[in-house]
PDB file of N, CA and C in Angstrom:
ATOM      1  N   MET A   1     -24.938  40.456 -17.591  1.00  0.00           N
ATOM      2  CA  MET A   1     -25.169  39.089 -17.576  1.00  0.00           C
ATOM      3  C   MET A   1     -24.250  38.207 -18.175  1.00  0.00           C
ATOM      4  N   MET A   2     -23.538  39.023 -18.980  1.00  0.00           N
ATOM      5  CA  MET A   2     -22.375  38.057 -19.625  1.00  0.00           C
ATOM      6  C   MET A   2     -21.237  37.764 -18.562  1.00  0.00           C
ATOM      7  N   ILE A   3     -21.152  38.827 -17.696  1.00  0.00           N
ATOM      8  CA  ILE A   3     -20.132  38.486 -16.634  1.00  0.00           C
ATOM      9  C   ILE A   3     -20.388  37.503 -15.593  1.00  0.00           C
ATOM     10  N   ASP A   4     -21.750  37.196 -15.379  1.00  0.00           N
ATOM     11  CA  ASP A   4     -22.482  36.474 -14.428  1.00  0.00           C
ATOM     12  C   ASP A   4     -22.172  34.973 -14.750  1.00  0.00           C
ATOM     13  N   ARG A   5     -22.362  34.812 -16.154  1.00  0.00           N
ATOM     14  CA  ARG A   5     -22.126  33.675 -16.749  1.00  0.00           C
ATOM     15  C   ARG A   5     -20.688  33.277 -16.949  1.00  0.00           C
ATOM     16  N   HIS A   6     -19.743  34.197 -16.990  1.00  0.00           N
ATOM     17  CA  HIS A   6     -18.327  33.911 -17.091  1.00  0.00           C
ATOM     18  C   HIS A   6     -17.772  33.526 -15.650  1.00  0.00           C
ATOM     19  N   ILE A   7     -18.251  34.335 -14.689  1.00  0.00           N
ATOM     20  CA  ILE A   7     -18.000  33.817 -13.528  1.00  0.00           C
ATOM     21  C   ILE A   7     -18.452  32.397 -13.072  1.00  0.00           C
ATOM     22  N   ARG A   8     -19.729  32.179 -13.582  1.00  0.00           N
ATOM     23  CA  ARG A   8     -20.229  30.959 -13.124  1.00  0.00           C
ATOM     24  C   ARG A   8     -19.462  29.711 -13.744  1.00  0.00           C
ATOM     25  N   VAL A   9     -19.030  29.850 -14.876  1.00  0.00           N
ATOM     26  CA  VAL A   9     -18.144  28.954 -15.637  1.00  0.00           C
ATOM     27  C   VAL A   9     -16.913  28.657 -14.999  1.00  0.00           C
ATOM     28  N   VAL A  10     -16.090  29.893 -14.714  1.00  0.00           N
ATOM     29  CA  VAL A  10     -14.858  29.931 -14.065  1.00  0.00           C
ATOM     30  C   VAL A  10     -15.088  29.187 -12.731  1.00  0.00           C
ATOM     31  N   MET A  11     -16.100  29.570 -11.833  1.00  0.00           N
ATOM     32  CA  MET A  11     -16.177  28.619 -10.490  1.00  0.00           C
ATOM     33  C   MET A  11     -16.582  27.221 -10.722  1.00  0.00           C
ATOM     34  N   THR A  12     -17.191  26.977 -11.707  1.00  0.00           N
ATOM     35  CA  THR A  12     -17.554  25.442 -12.007  1.00  0.00           C
ATOM     36  C   THR A  12     -16.239  24.745 -12.225  1.00  0.00           C
ATOM     37  N   ALA A  13     -15.482  25.365 -13.342  1.00  0.00           N
ATOM     38  CA  ALA A  13     -14.127  24.797 -13.577  1.00  0.00           C
ATOM     39  C   ALA A  13     -13.278  24.675 -12.227  1.00  0.00           C
ATOM     40  N   ALA A  14     -13.338  25.740 -11.566  1.00  0.00           N
ATOM     41  CA  ALA A  14     -12.356  25.563 -10.175  1.00  0.00           C
ATOM     42  C   ALA A  14     -12.934  24.608  -9.414  1.00  0.00           C
ATOM     43  N   LEU A  15     -14.075  24.483  -9.361  1.00  0.00           N
ATOM     44  CA  LEU A  15     -14.629  23.225  -8.187  1.00  0.00           C
ATOM     45  C   LEU A  15     -14.404  22.002  -9.010  1.00  0.00           C
ATOM     46  N   LEU A  16     -14.256  21.744 -10.359  1.00  0.00           N
ATOM     47  CA  LEU A  16     -14.171  20.430 -10.963  1.00  0.00           C
ATOM     48  C   LEU A  16     -12.584  20.251 -10.644  1.00  0.00           C
ATOM     49  N   LEU A  17     -11.856  20.950 -10.872  1.00  0.00           N
ATOM     50  CA  LEU A  17     -10.418  20.815 -10.808  1.00  0.00           C
ATOM     51  C   LEU A  17     -10.017  20.576  -9.464  1.00  0.00           C
ATOM     52  N   SER A  18     -10.642  21.272  -8.512  1.00  0.00           N
ATOM     53  CA  SER A  18     -10.067  20.954  -7.080  1.00  0.00           C
ATOM     54  C   SER A  18     -10.854  19.569  -6.663  1.00  0.00           C
ATOM     55  N   ALA A  19     -11.808  19.096  -7.170  1.00  0.00           N
ATOM     56  CA  ALA A  19     -12.334  17.845  -6.931  1.00  0.00           C
ATOM     57  C   ALA A  19     -11.639  16.755  -7.480  1.00  0.00           C
ATOM     58  N   LEU A  20     -10.962  17.015  -8.836  1.00  0.00           N
ATOM     59  CA  LEU A  20     -10.050  15.916  -9.495  1.00  0.00           C
ATOM     60  C   LEU A  20      -8.850  16.142  -8.709  1.00  0.00           C
ATOM     61  N   ALA A  21      -8.385  17.129  -8.256  1.00  0.00           N
ATOM     62  CA  ALA A  21      -7.095  17.182  -7.544  1.00  0.00           C
ATOM     63  C   ALA A  21      -7.164  16.383  -6.082  1.00  0.00           C
ATOM     64  N   LEU A  22      -8.209  16.766  -5.456  1.00  0.00           N
ATOM     65  CA  LEU A  22      -8.461  16.070  -4.212  1.00  0.00           C
ATOM     66  C   LEU A  22      -8.519  14.645  -4.072  1.00  0.00           C
ATOM     67  N   GLY A  23      -9.199  14.056  -5.153  1.00  0.00           N
ATOM     68  CA  GLY A  23      -9.651  12.691  -5.585  1.00  0.00           C
ATOM     69  C   GLY A  23      -8.433  11.912  -5.749  1.00  0.00           C
ATOM     70  N   GLY A  24      -7.155  12.504  -6.553  1.00  0.00           N
ATOM     71  CA  GLY A  24      -6.121  11.688  -6.685  1.00  0.00           C
ATOM     72  C   GLY A  24      -5.202  11.648  -5.413  1.00  0.00           C
ATOM     73  N   CYS A  25      -5.470  12.515  -4.443  1.00  0.00           N
ATOM     74  CA  CYS A  25      -4.778  12.372  -3.099  1.00  0.00           C
ATOM     75  C   CYS A  25      -5.569  11.386  -2.067  1.00  0.00           C
ATOM     76  N   ALA A  26      -6.382  10.887  -2.662  1.00  0.00           N
ATOM     77  CA  ALA A  26      -7.150  10.043  -1.578  1.00  0.00           C
ATOM     78  C   ALA A  26      -6.494   8.609  -1.364  1.00  0.00           C
ATOM     79  N   THR A  27      -5.846   8.184  -1.881  1.00  0.00           N
ATOM     80  CA  THR A  27      -4.897   6.970  -1.666  1.00  0.00           C
ATOM     81  C   THR A  27      -3.878   7.560  -0.700  1.00  0.00           C
ATOM     82  N   SER A  28      -3.123   8.618  -0.789  1.00  0.00           N
ATOM     83  CA  SER A  28      -2.075   8.883   0.174  1.00  0.00           C
ATOM     84  C   SER A  28      -2.745   9.263   1.258  1.00  0.00           C
ATOM     85  N   ILE A  29      -3.920   9.793   1.374  1.00  0.00           N
ATOM     86  CA  ILE A  29      -4.632  10.296   2.715  1.00  0.00           C
ATOM     87  C   ILE A  29      -4.931   9.062   3.329  1.00  0.00           C
ATOM     88  N   ALA A  30      -5.368   8.163   2.809  1.00  0.00           N
ATOM     89  CA  ALA A  30      -5.706   6.749   3.306  1.00  0.00           C
ATOM     90  C   ALA A  30      -4.613   5.951   4.173  1.00  0.00           C
ATOM     91  N   ASP A  31      -3.409   6.310   3.619  1.00  0.00           N
ATOM     92  CA  ASP A  31      -2.120   5.924   4.198  1.00  0.00           C
ATOM     93  C   ASP A  31      -1.593   6.336   5.360  1.00  0.00           C
ATOM     94  N   MET A  32      -2.184   8.012   5.506  1.00  0.00           N
ATOM     95  CA  MET A  32      -1.438   8.402   6.857  1.00  0.00           C
ATOM     96  C   MET A  32      -1.996   7.920   7.912  1.00  0.00           C
ATOM     97  N   PRO A  33      -1.107   7.741   9.075  1.00  0.00           N
ATOM     98  CA  PRO A  33      -1.588   7.034  10.403  1.00  0.00           C
ATOM     99  C   PRO A  33      -2.423   7.742  11.099  1.00  0.00           C
ATOM    100  N   LEU A  34      -2.454   9.111  11.064  1.00  0.00           N
ATOM    101  CA  LEU A  34      -3.405   9.736  11.982  1.00  0.00           C
ATOM    102  C   LEU A  34      -4.778   9.912  11.229  1.00  0.00           C
ATOM    103  N   VAL A  35      -5.103  10.067  10.078  1.00  0.00           N
ATOM    104  CA  VAL A  35      -6.423  10.161   9.248  1.00  0.00           C
ATOM    105  C   VAL A  35      -6.893   8.988   8.627  1.00  0.00           C
ATOM    106  N   GLY A  36      -5.876   8.082   8.074  1.00  0.00           N
ATOM    107  CA  GLY A  36      -6.621   6.999   7.229  1.00  0.00           C
ATOM    108  C   GLY A  36      -7.204   5.850   8.205  1.00  0.00           C
ATOM    109  N   THR A  37      -6.573   5.214   8.989  1.00  0.00           N
ATOM    110  CA  THR A  37      -6.968   4.023   9.426  1.00  0.00           C
ATOM    111  C   THR A  37      -7.112   3.906  11.091  1.00  0.00           C
ATOM    112  N   PRO A  38      -7.941   3.517  11.593  1.00  0.00           N
ATOM    113  CA  PRO A  38      -8.208   3.454  13.181  1.00  0.00           C
ATOM    114  C   PRO A  38      -6.935   2.809  13.723  1.00  0.00           C
ATOM    115  N   ALA A  39      -6.816   3.021  14.813  1.00  0.00           N
ATOM    116  CA  ALA A  39      -5.685   2.315  15.678  1.00  0.00           C
ATOM    117  C   ALA A  39      -5.651   0.850  15.788  1.00  0.00           C
ATOM    118  N   ASP A  40      -7.032   0.132  15.765  1.00  0.00           N
ATOM    119  CA  ASP A  40      -6.884  -1.096  15.950  1.00  0.00           C
ATOM    120  C   ASP A  40      -6.952  -1.961  14.757  1.00  0.00           C
ATOM    121  N   ALA A  41      -7.049  -1.246  13.525  1.00  0.00           N
ATOM    122  CA  ALA A  41      -6.901  -2.049  12.314  1.00  0.00           C
ATOM    123  C   ALA A  41      -5.812  -2.810  12.092  1.00  0.00           C
ATOM    124  N   PRO A  42      -5.925  -4.041  11.474  1.00  0.00           N
ATOM    125  CA  PRO A  42      -4.811  -4.882  11.312  1.00  0.00           C
ATOM    126  C   PRO A  42      -3.752  -4.291  10.193  1.00  0.00           C
ATOM    127  N   ALA A  43      -2.641  -4.478  10.350  1.00  0.00           N
ATOM    128  CA  ALA A  43      -1.629  -4.034   9.060  1.00  0.00           C
ATOM    129  C   ALA A  43      -1.821  -4.560   7.809  1.00  0.00           C
ATOM    130  N   ARG A  44      -1.730  -3.746   6.641  1.00  0.00           N
ATOM    131  CA  ARG A  44      -1.759  -4.238   5.356  1.00  0.00           C
ATOM    132  C   ARG A  44      -0.952  -5.308   5.183  1.00  0.00           C
ATOM    133  N   PRO A  45      -1.043  -6.074   4.161  1.00  0.00           N
ATOM    134  CA  PRO A  45      -0.060  -7.125   3.505  1.00  0.00           C
ATOM    135  C   PRO A  45       0.937  -6.232   2.827  1.00  0.00           C
ATOM    136  N   ARG A  46       2.265  -6.597   2.661  1.00  0.00           N
ATOM    137  CA  ARG A  46       3.155  -5.852   2.096  1.00  0.00           C
ATOM    138  C   ARG A  46       2.861  -6.190   0.359  1.00  0.00           C
ATOM    139  N   GLU A  47       2.531  -7.453   0.105  1.00  0.00           N
ATOM    140  CA  GLU A  47       2.269  -7.838  -1.179  1.00  0.00           C
ATOM    141  C   GLU A  47       0.911  -7.917  -1.517  1.00  0.00           C
ATOM    142  N   ALA A  48       0.498  -7.582  -2.593  1.00  0.00           N
ATOM    143  CA  ALA A  48      -0.968  -7.381  -3.347  1.00  0.00           C
ATOM    144  C   ALA A  48      -1.212  -8.891  -3.073  1.00  0.00           C
ATOM    145  N   GLY A  49      -2.663  -9.222  -3.026  1.00  0.00           N
ATOM    146  CA  GLY A  49      -3.173 -10.473  -2.894  1.00  0.00           C
ATOM    147  C   GLY A  49      -3.228 -11.003  -4.440  1.00  0.00           C
ATOM    148  N   THR A  50      -3.333 -12.509  -4.398  1.00  0.00           N
ATOM    149  CA  THR A  50      -3.357 -13.052  -5.570  1.00  0.00           C
ATOM    150  C   THR A  50      -4.772 -13.216  -6.085  1.00  0.00           C
ATOM    151  N   TYR A  51      -4.646 -13.661  -7.439  1.00  0.00           N
ATOM    152  CA  TYR A  51      -6.091 -13.786  -8.074  1.00  0.00           C
ATOM    153  C   TYR A  51      -6.805 -15.108  -7.094  1.00  0.00           C
ATOM    154  N   LEU A  52      -8.248 -15.195  -7.245  1.00  0.00           N
ATOM    155  CA  LEU A  52      -8.679 -16.309  -6.786  1.00  0.00           C
ATOM    156  C   LEU A  52      -8.749 -17.536  -7.525  1.00  0.00           C
ATOM    157  N   PRO A  53      -8.495 -19.012  -7.040  1.00  0.00           N
ATOM    158  CA  PRO A  53      -8.663 -19.897  -8.041  1.00  0.00           C
ATOM    159  C   PRO A  53      -9.747 -20.488  -8.467  1.00  0.00           C
ATOM    160  N   VAL A  54     -10.244 -19.798  -9.766  1.00  0.00           N
ATOM    161  CA  VAL A  54     -11.444 -19.671 -10.283  1.00  0.00           C
ATOM    162  C   VAL A  54     -11.570 -21.294 -11.123  1.00  0.00           C
ATOM    163  N   HIS A  55     -10.503 -21.826 -11.604  1.00  0.00           N
ATOM    164  CA  HIS A  55     -10.540 -22.899 -12.284  1.00  0.00           C
ATOM    165  C   HIS A  55     -10.280 -24.309 -11.370  1.00  0.00           C
ATOM    166  N   ASP A  56     -10.119 -24.000  -9.775  1.00  0.00           N
ATOM    167  CA  ASP A  56      -9.989 -25.292  -8.880  1.00  0.00           C
ATOM    168  C   ASP A  56     -11.404 -25.551  -8.696  1.00  0.00           C
ATOM    169  N   LEU A  57     -11.832 -26.681  -9.036  1.00  0.00           N
ATOM    170  CA  LEU A  57     -13.222 -27.003  -8.691  1.00  0.00           C
ATOM    171  C   LEU A  57     -13.293 -28.036  -7.416  1.00  0.00           C
ATOM    172  N   PRO A  58     -14.335 -28.123  -6.579  1.00  0.00           N
ATOM    173  CA  PRO A  58     -14.509 -29.210  -5.717  1.00  0.00           C
ATOM    174  C   PRO A  58     -14.545 -30.591  -6.229  1.00  0.00           C
ATOM    175  N   PRO A  59     -14.058 -31.295  -5.506  1.00  0.00           N
ATOM    176  CA  PRO A  59     -14.282 -32.885  -5.876  1.00  0.00           C
ATOM    177  C   PRO A  59     -15.667 -33.445  -6.261  1.00  0.00           C
ATOM    178  N   GLN A  60     -15.962 -34.125  -7.211  1.00  0.00           N
ATOM    179  CA  GLN A  60     -17.163 -34.656  -7.379  1.00  0.00           C
ATOM    180  C   GLN A  60     -17.847 -35.434  -6.099  1.00  0.00           C
ATOM    181  N   ARG A  61     -19.122 -35.309  -5.953  1.00  0.00           N
ATOM    182  CA  ARG A  61     -19.580 -35.965  -4.935  1.00  0.00           C
ATOM    183  C   ARG A  61     -19.951 -37.550  -5.240  1.00  0.00           C
ATOM    184  N   ASP A  62     -19.745 -38.243  -3.985  1.00  0.00           N
ATOM    185  CA  ASP A  62     -20.119 -39.625  -4.333  1.00  0.00           C
ATOM    186  C   ASP A  62     -21.584 -40.025  -4.433  1.00  0.00           C
ATOM    187  N   ALA A  63     -22.473 -39.006  -3.635  1.00  0.00           N
ATOM    188  CA  ALA A  63     -23.775 -39.338  -3.730  1.00  0.00           C
ATOM    189  C   ALA A  63     -24.437 -38.043  -3.856  1.00  0.00           C
ATOM    190  N   ALA A  64     -25.715 -38.240  -4.223  1.00  0.00           N
ATOM    191  CA  ALA A  64     -26.531 -36.980  -4.546  1.00  0.00           C
ATOM    192  C   ALA A  64     -26.861 -36.276  -3.548  1.00  0.00           C
ATOM    193  N   ALA A  65     -26.878 -34.741  -3.860  1.00  0.00           N
ATOM    194  CA  ALA A  65     -27.187 -33.919  -2.651  1.00  0.00           C
ATOM    195  C   ALA A  65     -28.443 -34.369  -1.712  1.00  0.00           C
ATOM    196  N   MET A  66     -29.342 -34.354  -2.592  1.00  0.00           N
ATOM    197  CA  MET A  66     -30.702 -34.746  -2.103  1.00  0.00           C
ATOM    198  C   MET A  66     -31.176 -36.111  -2.899  1.00  0.00           C
ATOM    199  N   ALA A  67     -31.875 -36.822  -2.000  1.00  0.00           N
ATOM    200  CA  ALA A  67     -32.618 -37.836  -2.635  1.00  0.00           C
ATOM    201  C   ALA A  67     -33.871 -37.400  -3.490  1.00  0.00           C
ATOM    202  N   PRO A  68     -34.210 -37.897  -4.701  1.00  0.00           N
ATOM    203  CA  PRO A  68     -35.337 -37.198  -5.394  1.00  0.00           C
ATOM    204  C   PRO A  68     -36.665 -37.343  -4.567  1.00  0.00           C
ATOM    205  N   ALA A  69     -36.844 -38.099  -3.469  1.00  0.00           N
ATOM    206  CA  ALA A  69     -38.045 -38.058  -2.679  1.00  0.00           C
ATOM    207  C   ALA A  69     -37.856 -36.823  -1.816  1.00  0.00           C
ATOM    208  N   GLU A  70     -36.681 -36.549  -1.542  1.00  0.00           N
ATOM    209  CA  GLU A  70     -36.681 -35.393  -0.408  1.00  0.00           C
ATOM    210  C   GLU A  70     -36.657 -33.987  -1.234  1.00  0.00           C
ATOM    211  N   GLN A  71     -36.280 -33.879  -2.460  1.00  0.00           N
ATOM    212  CA  GLN A  71     -36.370 -32.946  -3.505  1.00  0.00           C
ATOM    213  C   GLN A  71     -37.661 -32.570  -3.594  1.00  0.00           C
ATOM    214  N   ALA A  72     -38.483 -33.722  -4.088  1.00  0.00           N
ATOM    215  CA  ALA A  72     -39.975 -33.502  -4.197  1.00  0.00           C
ATOM    216  C   ALA A  72     -40.863 -33.031  -3.206  1.00  0.00           C
ATOM    217  N   GLN A  73     -40.406 -33.471  -1.900  1.00  0.00           N
ATOM    218  CA  GLN A  73     -41.018 -33.096  -0.801  1.00  0.00           C
ATOM    219  C   GLN A  73     -40.629 -31.635  -0.343  1.00  0.00           C
ATOM    220  N   ALA A  74     -39.544 -31.243  -0.746  1.00  0.00           N
ATOM    221  CA  ALA A  74     -38.986 -29.787  -0.358  1.00  0.00           C
ATOM    222  C   ALA A  74     -40.006 -28.648  -1.469  1.00  0.00           C
ATOM    223  N   LEU A  75     -39.994 -29.372  -2.500  1.00  0.00           N
ATOM    224  CA  LEU A  75     -40.693 -28.476  -3.523  1.00  0.00           C
ATOM    225  C   LEU A  75     -42.167 -28.344  -3.197  1.00  0.00           C
ATOM    226  N   ARG A  76     -42.766 -29.246  -2.654  1.00  0.00           N
ATOM    227  CA  ARG A  76     -43.921 -29.436  -2.421  1.00  0.00           C
ATOM    228  C   ARG A  76     -44.376 -28.394  -1.304  1.00  0.00           C
ATOM    229  N   GLU A  77     -43.460 -28.643  -0.167  1.00  0.00           N
ATOM    230  CA  GLU A  77     -43.567 -27.544   0.923  1.00  0.00           C
ATOM    231  C   GLU A  77     -43.061 -26.169   0.437  1.00  0.00           C
ATOM    232  N   LEU A  78     -42.315 -25.738  -0.473  1.00  0.00           N
ATOM    233  CA  LEU A  78     -42.252 -24.371  -1.186  1.00  0.00           C
ATOM    234  C   LEU A  78     -43.581 -24.165  -1.866  1.00  0.00           C
ATOM    235  N   ALA A  79     -44.103 -24.939  -2.471  1.00  0.00           N
ATOM    236  CA  ALA A  79     -45.312 -24.312  -2.925  1.00  0.00           C
ATOM    237  C   ALA A  79     -46.406 -24.188  -2.147  1.00  0.00           C
ATOM    238  N   ALA A  80     -46.543 -25.036  -1.256  1.00  0.00           N
ATOM    239  CA  ALA A  80     -47.582 -24.764  -0.097  1.00  0.00           C
ATOM    240  C   ALA A  80     -47.341 -23.382   0.785  1.00  0.00           C
ATOM    241  N   ALA A  81     -46.175 -23.198   1.113  1.00  0.00           N
ATOM    242  CA  ALA A  81     -45.538 -22.053   1.499  1.00  0.00           C
ATOM    243  C   ALA A  81     -45.894 -20.730   0.914  1.00  0.00           C
ATOM    244  N   ARG A  82     -45.855 -20.784  -0.586  1.00  0.00           N
ATOM    245  CA  ARG A  82     -46.104 -19.677  -1.631  1.00  0.00           C
ATOM    246  C   ARG A  82     -47.798 -19.566  -1.691  1.00  0.00           C
ATOM    247  N   ASP A  83     -48.240 -20.540  -1.551  1.00  0.00           N
ATOM    248  CA  ASP A  83     -49.907 -20.448  -1.683  1.00  0.00           C
ATOM    249  C   ASP A  83     -50.449 -19.840  -0.257  1.00  0.00           C
ATOM    250  N   ARG A  84     -49.890 -20.097   0.793  1.00  0.00           N
ATOM    251  CA  ARG A  84     -50.250 -19.675   1.759  1.00  0.00           C
ATOM    252  C   ARG A  84     -49.999 -17.955   1.963  1.00  0.00           C
ATOM    253  N   GLN A  85     -48.571 -17.898   1.453  1.00  0.00           N
ATOM    254  CA  GLN A  85     -48.644 -16.153   1.470  1.00  0.00           C
ATOM    255  C   GLN A  85     -49.330 -15.486   0.311  1.00  0.00           C
ATOM    256  N   ALA A  86     -49.486 -16.049  -0.808  1.00  0.00           N
ATOM    257  CA  ALA A  86     -50.670 -15.431  -1.801  1.00  0.00           C
ATOM    258  C   ALA A  86     -52.031 -15.365  -0.992  1.00  0.00           C
ATOM    259  N   SER A  87     -52.499 -16.295  -0.502  1.00  0.00           N
ATOM    260  CA  SER A  87     -53.728 -16.307  -0.106  1.00  0.00           C
ATOM    261  C   SER A  87     -53.720 -15.052   1.027  1.00  0.00           C
ATOM    262  N   THR A  88     -52.642 -15.232   2.029  1.00  0.00           N
ATOM    263  CA  THR A  88     -52.548 -14.094   2.990  1.00  0.00           C
ATOM    264  C   THR A  88     -52.444 -12.611   2.477  1.00  0.00           C
ATOM    265  N   ALA A  89     -51.948 -12.469   1.397  1.00  0.00           N
ATOM    266  CA  ALA A  89     -51.657 -11.246   0.676  1.00  0.00           C
ATOM    267  C   ALA A  89     -53.055 -10.810   0.233  1.00  0.00           C
ATOM    268  N   ALA A  90     -53.767 -11.593  -0.548  1.00  0.00           N
ATOM    269  CA  ALA A  90     -55.222 -11.283  -1.166  1.00  0.00           C
ATOM    270  C   ALA A  90     -56.028 -11.188  -0.059  1.00  0.00           C
ATOM    271  N   LYS A  91     -56.075 -11.677   1.120  1.00  0.00           N
ATOM    272  CA  LYS A  91     -57.008 -11.399   2.341  1.00  0.00           C
ATOM    273  C   LYS A  91     -56.705 -10.121   2.754  1.00  0.00           C
ATOM    274  N   ASN A  92     -55.346  -9.719   2.943  1.00  0.00           N
ATOM    275  CA  ASN A  92     -54.895  -8.457   3.488  1.00  0.00           C
ATOM    276  C   ASN A  92     -55.528  -7.205   2.409  1.00  0.00           C
ATOM    277  N   SER A  93     -55.013  -7.551   1.081  1.00  0.00           N
ATOM    278  CA  SER A  93     -55.497  -6.373   0.050  1.00  0.00           C
ATOM    279  C   SER A  93     -56.989  -6.422  -0.051  1.00  0.00           C
ATOM    280  N   ALA A  94     -57.735  -7.283   0.339  1.00  0.00           N
ATOM    281  CA  ALA A  94     -59.131  -7.337   0.019  1.00  0.00           C
ATOM    282  C   ALA A  94     -59.835  -6.391   1.316  1.00  0.00           C
ATOM    283  N   ALA A  95     -59.205  -6.404   2.278  1.00  0.00           N
ATOM    284  CA  ALA A  95     -59.501  -5.927   3.451  1.00  0.00           C
ATOM    285  C   ALA A  95     -59.537  -4.604   3.749  1.00  0.00           C
ATOM    286  N   LYS A  96     -58.547  -4.210   2.759  1.00  0.00           N
ATOM    287  CA  LYS A  96     -58.342  -2.508   2.784  1.00  0.00           C
ATOM    288  C   LYS A  96     -59.198  -2.022   1.907  1.00  0.00           C
TER     289      LYS A  96
END
């Protein structure tokens, strides 16, 4: 019994080490022309991409996105759709 446990530990360690070793080779395998990328893939850029400009905000709007009346109408339509779906769901669950 002790030998079986020892063999199991050795096999688990070998499997873990081989997984780590192959995981380290993943980037070089992906760069191989026959294995990594398809033939019609675009070429990779030579330089790494830059960070996105998170502090560049769009300019302020001159007018509001929606007039208050339009916004209220949209909210009423959404509430009506929600109520219709809730009543349909209640009918379906009562029918079962």
